[in-house]
C-alpha atoms as a PDB file:
ATOM      1  CA  MET A   1      13.034 -40.700  -4.597  1.00  0.00           C
ATOM      2  CA  LEU A   2      14.409 -37.258  -5.492  1.00  0.00           C
ATOM      3  CA  ASP A   3      12.989 -37.579  -9.019  1.00  0.00           C
ATOM      4  CA  SER A   4       9.525 -38.436  -7.686  1.00  0.00           C
ATOM      5  CA  PHE A   5       9.164 -35.582  -5.196  1.00  0.00           C
ATOM      6  CA  TYR A   6       9.776 -31.840  -5.348  1.00  0.00           C
ATOM      7  CA  ALA A   7      11.728 -31.586  -2.099  1.00  0.00           C
ATOM      8  CA  VAL A   8      12.908 -33.891   0.643  1.00  0.00           C
ATOM      9  CA  SER A   9      14.324 -32.690   3.955  1.00  0.00           C
ATOM     10  CA  CYS A  10      15.502 -34.549   7.023  1.00  0.00           C
ATOM     11  CA  ASN A  11      15.940 -33.518  10.665  1.00  0.00           C
ATOM     12  CA  THR A  12      17.299 -35.506  13.586  1.00  0.00           C
ATOM     13  CA  LEU A  13      15.775 -35.296  17.037  1.00  0.00           C
ATOM     14  CA  LEU A  14      17.500 -35.766  20.368  1.00  0.00           C
ATOM     15  CA  ARG A  15      17.884 -39.337  21.505  1.00  0.00           C
ATOM     16  CA  SER A  16      15.809 -40.286  24.506  1.00  0.00           C
ATOM     17  CA  HIS A  17      16.241 -43.773  26.036  1.00  0.00           C
ATOM     18  CA  SER A  18      18.428 -45.549  23.528  1.00  0.00           C
ATOM     19  CA  ASP A  19      21.479 -44.903  21.418  1.00  0.00           C
ATOM     20  CA  HIS A  20      19.268 -44.100  18.396  1.00  0.00           C
ATOM     21  CA  PHE A  21      18.366 -40.649  17.127  1.00  0.00           C
ATOM     22  CA  PRO A  22      14.806 -40.353  15.748  1.00  0.00           C
ATOM     23  CA  ILE A  23      14.639 -38.877  12.257  1.00  0.00           C
ATOM     24  CA  ILE A  24      11.855 -36.763  10.780  1.00  0.00           C
ATOM     25  CA  VAL A  25      11.629 -36.862   6.984  1.00  0.00           C
ATOM     26  CA  ASN A  26       9.524 -34.257   5.160  1.00  0.00           C
ATOM     27  CA  ILE A  27       8.484 -35.102   1.610  1.00  0.00           C
ATOM     28  CA  HIS A  28       6.866 -32.463  -0.611  1.00  0.00           C
ATOM     29  CA  LYS A  29       5.102 -33.526  -3.805  1.00  0.00           C
ATOM     30  CA  THR A  30       4.483 -29.980  -5.032  1.00  0.00           C
ATOM     31  CA  PRO A  31       6.568 -26.814  -4.875  1.00  0.00           C
ATOM     32  CA  PRO A  32       5.855 -24.421  -2.016  1.00  0.00           C
ATOM     33  CA  VAL A  33       3.316 -21.648  -2.546  1.00  0.00           C
ATOM     34  CA  GLU A  34       4.919 -18.693  -4.267  1.00  0.00           C
ATOM     35  CA  THR A  35       5.253 -15.643  -2.085  1.00  0.00           C
ATOM     36  CA  VAL A  36       4.417 -12.128  -3.124  1.00  0.00           C
ATOM     37  CA  PRO A  37       7.551 -10.020  -3.602  1.00  0.00           C
ATOM     38  CA  ARG A  38       8.293  -7.831  -0.628  1.00  0.00           C
ATOM     39  CA  LEU A  39       8.858  -4.111  -0.686  1.00  0.00           C
ATOM     40  CA  LYS A  40      12.378  -3.226  -1.789  1.00  0.00           C
ATOM     41  CA  PHE A  41      13.441   0.169  -0.523  1.00  0.00           C
ATOM     42  CA  PHE A  42      15.963   2.154  -2.526  1.00  0.00           C
ATOM     43  CA  LYS A  43      17.824   4.993  -0.824  1.00  0.00           C
ATOM     44  CA  VAL A  44      17.615   7.070  -4.011  1.00  0.00           C
ATOM     45  CA  TRP A  45      13.871   7.528  -3.376  1.00  0.00           C
ATOM     46  CA  THR A  46      14.654   9.693  -0.346  1.00  0.00           C
ATOM     47  CA  SER A  47      16.436  12.233  -2.539  1.00  0.00           C
ATOM     48  CA  SER A  48      13.196  13.072  -4.319  1.00  0.00           C
ATOM     49  CA  LEU A  49      11.591  16.278  -3.091  1.00  0.00           C
ATOM     50  CA  SER A  50       8.132  14.721  -3.001  1.00  0.00           C
ATOM     51  CA  PHE A  51       9.184  11.582  -1.079  1.00  0.00           C
ATOM     52  CA  GLN A  52       8.237  12.877   2.386  1.00  0.00           C
ATOM     53  CA  ASP A  53       4.860  14.117   1.186  1.00  0.00           C
ATOM     54  CA  LEU A  54       4.152  10.856  -0.634  1.00  0.00           C
ATOM     55  CA  VAL A  55       4.925   8.701   2.421  1.00  0.00           C
ATOM     56  CA  SER A  56       3.104  11.051   4.778  1.00  0.00           C
ATOM     57  CA  SER A  57      -0.070  11.123   2.700  1.00  0.00           C
ATOM     58  CA  SER A  58       0.041   7.352   2.151  1.00  0.00           C
ATOM     59  CA  TRP A  59       0.395   6.608   5.874  1.00  0.00           C
ATOM     60  CA  LYS A  60      -2.575   8.777   6.854  1.00  0.00           C
ATOM     61  CA  VAL A  61      -4.838   5.835   5.987  1.00  0.00           C
ATOM     62  CA  ALA A  62      -6.547   4.667   9.182  1.00  0.00           C
ATOM     63  CA  ILE A  63      -5.881   0.981   9.853  1.00  0.00           C
ATOM     64  CA  THR A  64      -6.723  -0.793  13.096  1.00  0.00           C
ATOM     65  CA  GLY A  65      -5.067  -3.874  14.500  1.00  0.00           C
ATOM     66  CA  SER A  66      -1.808  -4.907  16.082  1.00  0.00           C
ATOM     67  CA  PRO A  67       1.222  -2.711  15.359  1.00  0.00           C
ATOM     68  CA  MET A  68       2.750  -5.284  12.972  1.00  0.00           C
ATOM     69  CA  TYR A  69      -0.577  -5.666  11.128  1.00  0.00           C
ATOM     70  CA  VAL A  70      -0.818  -1.874  10.715  1.00  0.00           C
ATOM     71  CA  LEU A  71       2.801  -1.634   9.516  1.00  0.00           C
ATOM     72  CA  LYS A  72       2.284  -4.444   7.008  1.00  0.00           C
ATOM     73  CA  HIS A  73      -0.795  -2.840   5.487  1.00  0.00           C
ATOM     74  CA  LYS A  74       0.700   0.655   5.400  1.00  0.00           C
ATOM     75  CA  LEU A  75       3.771  -0.675   3.558  1.00  0.00           C
ATOM     76  CA  LYS A  76       1.486  -2.648   1.228  1.00  0.00           C
ATOM     77  CA  HIS A  77      -0.427   0.557   0.458  1.00  0.00           C
ATOM     78  CA  LEU A  78       2.817   2.514  -0.078  1.00  0.00           C
ATOM     79  CA  LYS A  79       4.465  -0.038  -2.415  1.00  0.00           C
ATOM     80  CA  PRO A  80       2.585   0.788  -5.652  1.00  0.00           C
ATOM     81  CA  LEU A  81       3.023   4.514  -5.043  1.00  0.00           C
ATOM     82  CA  LEU A  82       6.793   4.244  -4.874  1.00  0.00           C
END
């Protein structure tokens, strides 16, 4: 079974009316979707004299939405500049 599928995981649920525990088995035929690498922040960047100006000018972009949506897109915009 492990040779035929990419990943197999198993979880047990709480027993209800008997002495048996139900089991949920997840079988994945393909690998999960690859994620885009996240922003890695290096403290050394803050020692640069232009760091504050770079971040400040990058974050002036007007984005509307929930606070987490705005943060995500501002960091996404800042990543290639760093």
